[in-house]
N, C-alpha and C. Protein backbone atom coordinates (compact mmCIF):
# COMPACT_ATOMS: atom_id res chain seq x y z
N MET A 1 64.73 -121.14 -116.07
CA MET A 1 65.05 -120.27 -114.91
C MET A 1 65.75 -120.72 -114.00
N GLY A 2 66.69 -120.12 -113.46
CA GLY A 2 67.87 -120.63 -112.35
C GLY A 2 66.83 -121.16 -111.25
N LYS A 3 68.07 -121.80 -110.36
CA LYS A 3 67.55 -122.62 -109.21
C LYS A 3 66.77 -121.70 -108.12
N ASN A 4 67.08 -120.58 -108.14
CA ASN A 4 66.53 -119.63 -106.95
C ASN A 4 65.77 -118.30 -107.73
N SER A 5 65.29 -118.39 -108.95
CA SER A 5 64.60 -117.46 -109.60
C SER A 5 63.61 -116.69 -108.76
N PHE A 6 62.83 -117.72 -108.09
CA PHE A 6 61.70 -116.93 -107.50
C PHE A 6 62.08 -116.45 -106.29
N LEU A 7 63.10 -117.20 -105.56
CA LEU A 7 63.58 -116.54 -104.33
C LEU A 7 64.33 -115.12 -104.66
N ASN A 8 65.05 -114.76 -105.53
CA ASN A 8 65.60 -113.75 -106.00
C ASN A 8 64.58 -112.68 -106.36
N TYR A 9 63.49 -113.10 -107.16
CA TYR A 9 62.51 -112.41 -107.39
C TYR A 9 62.04 -111.83 -106.43
N TYR A 10 61.55 -112.44 -105.33
CA TYR A 10 60.71 -112.29 -103.98
C TYR A 10 61.55 -111.27 -103.10
N LYS A 11 63.12 -111.41 -103.21
CA LYS A 11 63.72 -110.53 -102.47
C LYS A 11 63.80 -109.07 -102.94
N MET A 12 63.82 -109.07 -104.58
CA MET A 12 63.80 -107.94 -105.19
C MET A 12 62.35 -107.13 -104.87
N ILE A 13 61.49 -107.84 -105.22
CA ILE A 13 59.94 -107.28 -104.67
C ILE A 13 60.07 -106.61 -103.39
N LEU A 14 60.48 -107.60 -102.44
CA LEU A 14 60.37 -107.15 -101.00
C LEU A 14 61.02 -105.94 -100.60
N GLU A 15 62.19 -105.87 -101.15
CA GLU A 15 63.11 -104.53 -101.19
C GLU A 15 62.41 -103.43 -101.49
N LYS A 16 61.47 -103.46 -102.83
CA LYS A 16 61.12 -102.24 -103.57
C LYS A 16 59.92 -101.73 -102.71
N VAL A 17 59.09 -102.99 -102.17
CA VAL A 17 57.97 -102.33 -101.54
C VAL A 17 58.24 -102.18 -99.97
N SER A 18 59.25 -102.11 -99.53
CA SER A 18 59.41 -102.08 -97.96
C SER A 18 59.13 -100.67 -97.56
N PHE A 19 59.03 -99.61 -98.23
CA PHE A 19 58.39 -98.38 -97.71
C PHE A 19 56.84 -98.45 -97.18
N ASP A 20 56.10 -99.63 -97.67
CA ASP A 20 54.73 -99.44 -97.18
C ASP A 20 54.62 -101.01 -96.41
N LYS A 21 54.28 -101.17 -95.15
CA LYS A 21 54.25 -102.18 -94.27
C LYS A 21 53.02 -102.93 -95.05
N HIS A 22 51.94 -102.61 -95.62
CA HIS A 22 50.95 -103.18 -95.93
C HIS A 22 51.13 -104.08 -97.36
N LEU A 23 51.86 -103.53 -98.29
CA LEU A 23 52.64 -104.01 -99.29
C LEU A 23 53.35 -105.06 -99.09
N LEU A 24 54.38 -104.91 -98.06
CA LEU A 24 55.35 -105.86 -97.77
C LEU A 24 54.67 -107.09 -97.40
N GLN A 25 53.93 -106.83 -96.31
CA GLN A 25 53.16 -108.12 -95.86
C GLN A 25 52.12 -108.90 -96.94
N LYS A 26 51.86 -108.05 -97.77
CA LYS A 26 51.05 -108.83 -98.94
C LYS A 26 51.93 -109.54 -99.74
N GLU A 27 53.21 -108.73 -100.05
CA GLU A 27 54.11 -109.63 -101.07
C GLU A 27 54.75 -110.73 -100.31
N TYR A 28 55.06 -110.65 -99.06
CA TYR A 28 55.59 -111.84 -98.33
C TYR A 28 54.73 -113.11 -98.30
N TRP A 29 53.33 -112.68 -98.04
CA TRP A 29 52.58 -113.86 -97.94
C TRP A 29 52.41 -114.50 -99.31
N LYS A 30 52.35 -113.71 -100.40
CA LYS A 30 52.69 -114.30 -101.80
C LYS A 30 53.62 -115.31 -101.99
N ALA A 31 55.10 -114.75 -101.21
CA ALA A 31 56.18 -115.39 -101.62
C ALA A 31 56.00 -116.63 -100.86
N LYS A 32 55.45 -116.73 -99.67
CA LYS A 32 55.11 -118.03 -98.87
C LYS A 32 54.51 -119.02 -99.74
N GLN A 33 53.35 -118.55 -100.48
CA GLN A 33 52.53 -119.58 -101.10
C GLN A 33 53.38 -120.28 -102.23
N VAL A 34 54.44 -119.41 -102.79
CA VAL A 34 55.12 -119.81 -103.97
C VAL A 34 56.42 -120.75 -103.77
N LEU A 35 57.12 -120.25 -102.80
CA LEU A 35 58.48 -120.83 -102.34
C LEU A 35 58.32 -122.05 -101.62
N ARG A 36 59.22 -122.76 -101.86
CA ARG A 36 59.78 -124.15 -101.23
C ARG A 36 59.95 -123.65 -99.62
N GLU A 37 59.85 -124.62 -98.96
CA GLU A 37 59.98 -124.37 -97.38
C GLU A 37 61.76 -123.80 -97.01
N THR A 38 62.38 -124.78 -97.51
CA THR A 38 63.83 -124.25 -97.55
C THR A 38 64.00 -122.79 -97.93
N GLU A 39 63.54 -122.54 -99.16
CA GLU A 39 63.69 -121.05 -99.77
C GLU A 39 62.77 -119.91 -98.63
N VAL A 40 61.78 -120.42 -98.09
CA VAL A 40 61.14 -119.49 -97.28
C VAL A 40 62.01 -119.33 -96.20
N ARG A 41 62.57 -120.29 -95.68
CA ARG A 41 63.66 -120.39 -94.44
C ARG A 41 64.89 -119.19 -94.91
N GLU A 42 65.27 -119.38 -96.11
CA GLU A 42 66.29 -118.31 -96.76
C GLU A 42 65.76 -117.09 -96.80
N LEU A 43 64.49 -116.70 -97.26
CA LEU A 43 64.10 -115.59 -97.24
C LEU A 43 63.74 -114.86 -95.95
N ASP A 44 63.45 -115.83 -94.85
CA ASP A 44 63.29 -115.21 -93.70
C ASP A 44 64.66 -114.75 -93.09
N TYR A 45 65.91 -115.29 -93.50
CA TYR A 45 67.04 -115.00 -93.11
C TYR A 45 67.30 -113.83 -93.73
N TRP A 46 67.02 -113.70 -95.04
CA TRP A 46 67.48 -112.38 -95.69
C TRP A 46 66.64 -111.26 -95.06
N LEU A 47 65.23 -111.37 -94.68
CA LEU A 47 64.45 -110.38 -94.12
C LEU A 47 65.19 -110.02 -92.77
N LYS A 48 65.57 -110.94 -91.99
CA LYS A 48 66.45 -110.51 -90.63
C LYS A 48 67.46 -109.66 -90.74
N ASN A 49 68.44 -110.23 -91.94
CA ASN A 49 69.61 -109.35 -91.94
C ASN A 49 69.58 -107.94 -92.65
N ASN A 50 67.96 -107.79 -93.37
CA ASN A 50 67.75 -106.51 -93.73
C ASN A 50 66.92 -105.60 -92.94
N GLY A 51 66.64 -106.09 -91.64
CA GLY A 51 65.84 -105.13 -90.79
C GLY A 51 64.29 -105.44 -91.11
N LEU A 52 63.88 -106.29 -92.18
CA LEU A 52 62.45 -106.13 -92.46
C LEU A 52 61.51 -107.29 -91.91
N ILE A 53 62.19 -108.07 -91.17
CA ILE A 53 61.23 -109.22 -90.24
C ILE A 53 60.31 -108.77 -89.48
N TYR A 54 60.73 -107.77 -88.86
CA TYR A 54 59.61 -107.29 -87.85
C TYR A 54 58.69 -106.70 -88.47
N GLN A 55 58.52 -106.33 -89.76
CA GLN A 55 57.21 -105.68 -90.49
C GLN A 55 56.28 -106.90 -90.84
N VAL A 56 57.00 -107.97 -91.38
CA VAL A 56 56.25 -109.08 -91.77
C VAL A 56 55.83 -110.05 -90.93
N LYS A 57 56.61 -110.34 -89.54
CA LYS A 57 56.21 -111.27 -88.96
C LYS A 57 54.76 -111.03 -87.98
N ASN A 58 54.51 -109.83 -88.06
CA ASN A 58 53.26 -109.65 -87.14
C ASN A 58 51.95 -109.53 -88.14
N LEU A 59 51.84 -110.68 -88.91
CA LEU A 59 50.82 -110.65 -89.88
C LEU A 59 49.22 -110.66 -89.08
N PRO A 60 48.30 -110.20 -89.40
CA PRO A 60 47.00 -110.47 -88.67
C PRO A 60 46.55 -111.50 -89.17
N ALA A 61 46.49 -112.69 -88.19
CA ALA A 61 45.91 -113.88 -88.32
C ALA A 61 44.47 -114.02 -88.42
N HIS A 62 43.72 -112.79 -88.04
CA HIS A 62 42.40 -113.03 -88.19
C HIS A 62 41.63 -112.37 -89.35
N LYS A 63 42.80 -111.97 -90.41
CA LYS A 63 42.38 -111.70 -91.93
C LYS A 63 42.56 -112.82 -92.64
N GLU A 64 41.70 -113.26 -93.32
CA GLU A 64 41.65 -114.33 -94.22
C GLU A 64 42.88 -114.26 -95.07
N LYS A 65 42.87 -112.90 -95.67
CA LYS A 65 43.78 -112.73 -96.88
C LYS A 65 45.22 -112.97 -96.74
N TYR A 66 45.46 -112.73 -95.30
CA TYR A 66 46.86 -112.75 -94.62
C TYR A 66 47.10 -114.30 -93.99
N ALA A 67 46.22 -114.90 -93.72
CA ALA A 67 46.31 -116.13 -92.90
C ALA A 67 47.19 -116.92 -93.72
N LEU A 68 48.15 -117.54 -93.22
CA LEU A 68 49.07 -118.54 -93.60
C LEU A 68 48.44 -119.66 -93.76
N ALA A 69 48.78 -120.67 -94.88
CA ALA A 69 48.31 -121.94 -94.90
C ALA A 69 48.78 -122.95 -94.09
N LYS A 70 47.98 -123.82 -93.12
CA LYS A 70 48.54 -124.70 -92.45
C LYS A 70 49.17 -125.73 -93.30
N TYR A 71 48.74 -126.16 -94.41
CA TYR A 71 49.30 -127.11 -95.32
C TYR A 71 49.71 -126.57 -96.61
N PRO A 72 50.68 -127.21 -97.47
CA PRO A 72 51.29 -126.89 -98.48
C PRO A 72 50.09 -126.73 -99.75
N THR A 73 50.43 -125.91 -100.35
CA THR A 73 49.36 -125.63 -101.64
C THR A 73 49.49 -126.71 -102.58
N LEU A 74 48.88 -127.03 -103.65
CA LEU A 74 48.96 -128.23 -104.32
C LEU A 74 50.22 -127.74 -105.54
N SER A 75 50.37 -126.73 -105.69
CA SER A 75 51.29 -126.34 -106.62
C SER A 75 52.72 -126.65 -106.03
N ARG A 76 52.73 -126.06 -104.54
CA ARG A 76 53.99 -126.48 -104.03
C ARG A 76 54.59 -127.88 -104.16
N GLU A 77 53.31 -128.77 -103.94
CA GLU A 77 53.44 -130.22 -103.97
C GLU A 77 53.78 -131.02 -105.38
N LEU A 78 53.29 -130.47 -106.31
CA LEU A 78 53.64 -130.69 -107.71
C LEU A 78 55.11 -130.28 -108.17
N ARG A 79 55.39 -129.32 -107.29
CA ARG A 79 57.05 -128.78 -107.90
C ARG A 79 58.00 -130.02 -107.26
N LYS A 80 57.68 -130.59 -106.11
CA LYS A 80 58.67 -131.26 -105.58
C LYS A 80 59.19 -132.33 -106.34
């Protein structure tokens, strides 16, 4: 797999589900769990340029399934 395969994959997924805010938020949350921090910043930049950042940035913090982890997941630590 290429260097940015997961990043490109999630860009494609987010573009395809952009019609549904709920799906977009769910896929964005999944992307943040998988991608490295630099890739997340690049994804955020891409979302901003495509006008989608406003749909994903207001994730409900009180819902556990959407809460963003404060600490990196184990899988992210193993990939470094």
